[in-house]
Amino acid sequence: MIEGLRVRELPSRSHVRGYTVDLWQGEEAPPASYARLHHVFPGCVEAWWVREITPERVVCLRGMIKLVVFDRREGSPTREEVVEVYLGEYRFREVEIPPGVLLGWKAVGHEPALVLRYAEAAEEGRRLSPEEAGVPYDWEIVMR
């Protein structure tokens, strides 16, 4: 696991009207100065982003995504490590990505995904081309 990467299961409850997911309660609620909602069509990839100063958090609210993170930080004990995390309506999770770690995702399944990205600071983050990112990753789903 990449040093500083945090995955938190989000509590959900089914009921006769549908289901409820608790995103934040009490001290878990982050102060957000930056938030962006992404609608991603099935099979589409959005990658790569990096924040240099503050952690970024990702929650998939609808559909499912394969979130991929890549540690390219100098001096990190997990440098060059790639991690996949599946999240969305079948597994509600919040993933916190540390500064300097690249992230991207692919909408998996037959439905579009609705993805929330947010951070404590208004730092926009930077989008990298696949060549600039240099992530050794193939976006096809590999069955294990």
C-alpha atoms as a PDB file:
ATOM      1  CA  MET A   1       0.000   0.000   0.000  1.00  0.00           C
ATOM      2  CA  ILE A   2       1.282   3.461  -0.832  1.00  0.00           C
ATOM      3  CA  GLU A   3       2.545   5.352   2.197  1.00  0.00           C
ATOM      4  CA  GLY A   4      -0.062   7.919   3.291  1.00  0.00           C
ATOM      5  CA  LEU A   5      -2.888   6.438   1.180  1.00  0.00           C
ATOM      6  CA  ARG A   6      -6.010   6.023   3.285  1.00  0.00           C
ATOM      7  CA  VAL A   7      -9.135   4.079   2.338  1.00  0.00           C
ATOM      8  CA  ARG A   8     -12.179   4.493   4.601  1.00  0.00           C
ATOM      9  CA  GLU A   9     -15.280   2.329   4.247  1.00  0.00           C
ATOM     10  CA  LEU A  10     -18.395   4.496   4.304  1.00  0.00           C
ATOM     11  CA  PRO A  11     -21.283   3.187   6.419  1.00  0.00           C
ATOM     12  CA  SER A  12     -24.436   2.504   4.439  1.00  0.00           C
ATOM     13  CA  ARG A  13     -27.886   1.340   5.427  1.00  0.00           C
ATOM     14  CA  SER A  14     -30.566  -0.187   3.235  1.00  0.00           C
ATOM     15  CA  HIS A  15     -34.205   0.636   3.868  1.00  0.00           C
ATOM     16  CA  VAL A  16     -37.549   0.393   2.072  1.00  0.00           C
ATOM     17  CA  ARG A  17     -36.955   3.651   0.176  1.00  0.00           C
ATOM     18  CA  GLY A  18     -33.420   2.765  -1.012  1.00  0.00           C
ATOM     19  CA  TYR A  19     -30.227   3.302   0.944  1.00  0.00           C
ATOM     20  CA  THR A  20     -28.365   5.950   2.925  1.00  0.00           C
ATOM     21  CA  VAL A  21     -24.592   6.495   2.935  1.00  0.00           C
ATOM     22  CA  ASP A  22     -22.824   8.501   5.644  1.00  0.00           C
ATOM     23  CA  LEU A  23     -20.099  10.539   3.943  1.00  0.00           C
ATOM     24  CA  TRP A  24     -18.902  12.413   7.028  1.00  0.00           C
ATOM     25  CA  GLN A  25     -19.843  12.675  10.669  1.00  0.00           C
ATOM     26  CA  GLY A  26     -18.357  14.924  13.316  1.00  0.00           C
ATOM     27  CA  GLU A  27     -14.591  15.214  13.034  1.00  0.00           C
ATOM     28  CA  GLU A  28     -14.494  13.102   9.840  1.00  0.00           C
ATOM     29  CA  ALA A  29     -15.943  16.048   7.912  1.00  0.00           C
ATOM     30  CA  PRO A  30     -13.108  17.750   6.049  1.00  0.00           C
ATOM     31  CA  PRO A  31     -13.053  21.469   5.462  1.00  0.00           C
ATOM     32  CA  ALA A  32     -13.286  21.683   1.678  1.00  0.00           C
ATOM     33  CA  SER A  33     -12.009  24.708  -0.200  1.00  0.00           C
ATOM     34  CA  TYR A  34     -12.047  22.831  -3.485  1.00  0.00           C
ATOM     35  CA  ALA A  35     -14.675  20.378  -4.717  1.00  0.00           C
ATOM     36  CA  ARG A  36     -15.434  19.112  -8.198  1.00  0.00           C
ATOM     37  CA  LEU A  37     -18.016  16.618  -9.440  1.00  0.00           C
ATOM     38  CA  HIS A  38     -17.179  14.451 -12.474  1.00  0.00           C
ATOM     39  CA  HIS A  39     -19.713  12.558 -14.598  1.00  0.00           C
ATOM     40  CA  VAL A  40     -17.796   9.735 -16.314  1.00  0.00           C
ATOM     41  CA  PHE A  41     -19.222   7.618 -19.120  1.00  0.00           C
ATOM     42  CA  PRO A  42     -18.778   3.819 -18.883  1.00  0.00           C
ATOM     43  CA  GLY A  43     -15.328   2.677 -19.978  1.00  0.00           C
ATOM     44  CA  CYS A  44     -13.879   6.208 -20.006  1.00  0.00           C
ATOM     45  CA  VAL A  45     -10.583   7.010 -18.300  1.00  0.00           C
ATOM     46  CA  GLU A  46      -9.764  10.317 -16.593  1.00  0.00           C
ATOM     47  CA  ALA A  47      -6.082  10.502 -15.625  1.00  0.00           C
ATOM     48  CA  TRP A  48      -3.601  11.772 -14.382  1.00  0.00           C
ATOM     49  CA  TRP A  49      -3.824  14.466 -11.681  1.00  0.00           C
ATOM     50  CA  VAL A  50      -1.460  15.422  -8.905  1.00  0.00           C
ATOM     51  CA  ARG A  51      -1.570  17.844  -5.991  1.00  0.00           C
ATOM     52  CA  GLU A  52       1.748  18.937  -4.546  1.00  0.00           C
ATOM     53  CA  ILE A  53       0.598  20.591  -1.297  1.00  0.00           C
ATOM     54  CA  THR A  54      -2.587  19.042   0.087  1.00  0.00           C
ATOM     55  CA  PRO A  55      -4.156  15.586   0.089  1.00  0.00           C
ATOM     56  CA  GLU A  56      -7.033  14.945  -2.301  1.00  0.00           C
ATOM     57  CA  ARG A  57     -10.083  12.867  -1.422  1.00  0.00           C
ATOM     58  CA  VAL A  58     -12.227  10.869  -3.825  1.00  0.00           C
ATOM     59  CA  VAL A  59     -15.713   9.365  -3.364  1.00  0.00           C
ATOM     60  CA  CYS A  60     -17.734   7.652  -6.100  1.00  0.00           C
ATOM     61  CA  LEU A  61     -21.394   8.521  -5.487  1.00  0.00           C
ATOM     62  CA  ARG A  62     -23.000   6.654  -8.398  1.00  0.00           C
ATOM     63  CA  GLY A  63     -21.788   3.787 -10.563  1.00  0.00           C
ATOM     64  CA  MET A  64     -18.372   2.212  -9.979  1.00  0.00           C
ATOM     65  CA  ILE A  65     -14.816   3.294 -10.680  1.00  0.00           C
ATOM     66  CA  LYS A  66     -11.418   1.723 -10.626  1.00  0.00           C
ATOM     67  CA  LEU A  67      -9.244   4.362  -8.926  1.00  0.00           C
ATOM     68  CA  VAL A  68      -5.537   4.020  -9.679  1.00  0.00           C
ATOM     69  CA  VAL A  69      -2.830   5.812  -7.703  1.00  0.00           C
ATOM     70  CA  PHE A  70       0.902   5.943  -8.451  1.00  0.00           C
ATOM     71  CA  ASP A  71       3.596   7.052  -6.028  1.00  0.00           C
ATOM     72  CA  ARG A  72       6.296   9.054  -7.799  1.00  0.00           C
ATOM     73  CA  ARG A  73       7.523  10.962  -4.736  1.00  0.00           C
ATOM     74  CA  GLU A  74      11.289  11.203  -4.329  1.00  0.00           C
ATOM     75  CA  GLY A  75      12.450   9.392  -1.210  1.00  0.00           C
ATOM     76  CA  SER A  76       9.131   7.616  -0.589  1.00  0.00           C
ATOM     77  CA  PRO A  77       9.483   4.022   0.633  1.00  0.00           C
ATOM     78  CA  THR A  78       6.639   3.116  -1.755  1.00  0.00           C
ATOM     79  CA  ARG A  79       8.025   4.999  -4.782  1.00  0.00           C
ATOM     80  CA  GLU A  80       6.944   3.489  -8.140  1.00  0.00           C
ATOM     81  CA  GLU A  81       4.116   1.521  -6.468  1.00  0.00           C
ATOM     82  CA  VAL A  82       0.732   1.356  -8.247  1.00  0.00           C
ATOM     83  CA  VAL A  83      -2.465   0.648  -6.290  1.00  0.00           C
ATOM     84  CA  GLU A  84      -5.997  -0.061  -7.604  1.00  0.00           C
ATOM     85  CA  VAL A  85      -9.048   0.629  -5.451  1.00  0.00           C
ATOM     86  CA  TYR A  86     -12.597  -0.142  -6.595  1.00  0.00           C
ATOM     87  CA  LEU A  87     -15.260   2.095  -5.160  1.00  0.00           C
ATOM     88  CA  GLY A  88     -18.803   3.190  -5.822  1.00  0.00           C
ATOM     89  CA  GLU A  89     -22.363   2.205  -5.148  1.00  0.00           C
ATOM     90  CA  TYR A  90     -21.474  -1.445  -4.471  1.00  0.00           C
ATOM     91  CA  ARG A  91     -18.625  -0.503  -2.120  1.00  0.00           C
ATOM     92  CA  PHE A  92     -18.852   3.009  -0.703  1.00  0.00           C
ATOM     93  CA  ARG A  93     -15.419   4.301   0.243  1.00  0.00           C
ATOM     94  CA  GLU A  94     -13.531   7.545   0.645  1.00  0.00           C
ATOM     95  CA  VAL A  95      -9.932   7.452  -0.567  1.00  0.00           C
ATOM     96  CA  GLU A  96      -7.433  10.063   0.586  1.00  0.00           C
ATOM     97  CA  ILE A  97      -4.474  10.484  -1.764  1.00  0.00           C
ATOM     98  CA  PRO A  98      -1.359  12.111  -0.277  1.00  0.00           C
ATOM     99  CA  PRO A  99       0.343  15.074  -1.980  1.00  0.00           C
ATOM    100  CA  GLY A 100       2.698  14.109  -4.794  1.00  0.00           C
ATOM    101  CA  VAL A 101       0.837  10.873  -5.608  1.00  0.00           C
ATOM    102  CA  LEU A 102      -0.811  10.666  -9.049  1.00  0.00           C
ATOM    103  CA  LEU A 103      -4.422   9.600  -9.435  1.00  0.00           C
ATOM    104  CA  GLY A 104      -6.803   8.640 -12.184  1.00  0.00           C
ATOM    105  CA  TRP A 105      -9.899   6.486 -12.655  1.00  0.00           C
ATOM    106  CA  LYS A 106     -11.957   4.506 -15.091  1.00  0.00           C
ATOM    107  CA  ALA A 107     -15.733   4.085 -14.933  1.00  0.00           C
ATOM    108  CA  VAL A 108     -16.386   0.344 -14.828  1.00  0.00           C
ATOM    109  CA  GLY A 109     -19.656  -1.449 -15.473  1.00  0.00           C
ATOM    110  CA  HIS A 110     -22.567  -0.373 -17.661  1.00  0.00           C
ATOM    111  CA  GLU A 111     -23.582   2.828 -15.895  1.00  0.00           C
ATOM    112  CA  PRO A 112     -21.953   6.266 -15.807  1.00  0.00           C
ATOM    113  CA  ALA A 113     -20.062   7.115 -12.616  1.00  0.00           C
ATOM    114  CA  LEU A 114     -20.497  10.265 -10.545  1.00  0.00           C
ATOM    115  CA  VAL A 115     -17.204  11.060  -8.781  1.00  0.00           C
ATOM    116  CA  LEU A 116     -16.582  13.719  -6.127  1.00  0.00           C
ATOM    117  CA  ARG A 117     -13.029  15.097  -5.741  1.00  0.00           C
ATOM    118  CA  TYR A 118     -12.303  17.540  -2.924  1.00  0.00           C
ATOM    119  CA  ALA A 119      -9.443  19.022  -0.944  1.00  0.00           C
ATOM    120  CA  GLU A 120      -8.861  21.337   1.998  1.00  0.00           C
ATOM    121  CA  ALA A 121      -6.926  23.928   0.009  1.00  0.00           C
ATOM    122  CA  ALA A 122      -7.970  25.723  -3.146  1.00  0.00           C
ATOM    123  CA  GLU A 123      -4.902  24.348  -4.919  1.00  0.00           C
ATOM    124  CA  GLU A 124      -6.254  23.302  -8.316  1.00  0.00           C
ATOM    125  CA  GLY A 125      -3.831  20.467  -8.792  1.00  0.00           C
ATOM    126  CA  ARG A 126      -2.200  19.710 -12.099  1.00  0.00           C
ATOM    127  CA  ARG A 127      -3.298  17.454 -14.930  1.00  0.00           C
ATOM    128  CA  LEU A 128      -0.547  15.438 -16.602  1.00  0.00           C
ATOM    129  CA  SER A 129      -0.449  13.841 -20.027  1.00  0.00           C
ATOM    130  CA  PRO A 130       0.119  10.070 -20.065  1.00  0.00           C
ATOM    131  CA  GLU A 131       3.653  10.702 -21.348  1.00  0.00           C
ATOM    132  CA  GLU A 132       4.460  13.232 -18.630  1.00  0.00           C
ATOM    133  CA  ALA A 133       2.952  11.021 -15.923  1.00  0.00           C
ATOM    134  CA  GLY A 134       4.914   7.957 -16.994  1.00  0.00           C
ATOM    135  CA  VAL A 135       2.693   5.590 -15.020  1.00  0.00           C
ATOM    136  CA  PRO A 136       3.402   1.919 -15.796  1.00  0.00           C
ATOM    137  CA  TYR A 137      -0.268   0.947 -15.951  1.00  0.00           C
ATOM    138  CA  ASP A 138      -2.685  -0.631 -18.450  1.00  0.00           C
ATOM    139  CA  TRP A 139      -6.293   0.489 -17.893  1.00  0.00           C
ATOM    140  CA  GLU A 140      -7.867  -2.791 -18.985  1.00  0.00           C
ATOM    141  CA  ILE A 141      -9.518  -4.737 -16.170  1.00  0.00           C
ATOM    142  CA  VAL A 142      -7.465  -7.769 -15.264  1.00  0.00           C
ATOM    143  CA  MET A 143      -9.393 -10.624 -13.677  1.00  0.00           C
ATOM    144  CA  ARG A 144      -7.384 -12.176 -10.838  1.00  0.00           C
END
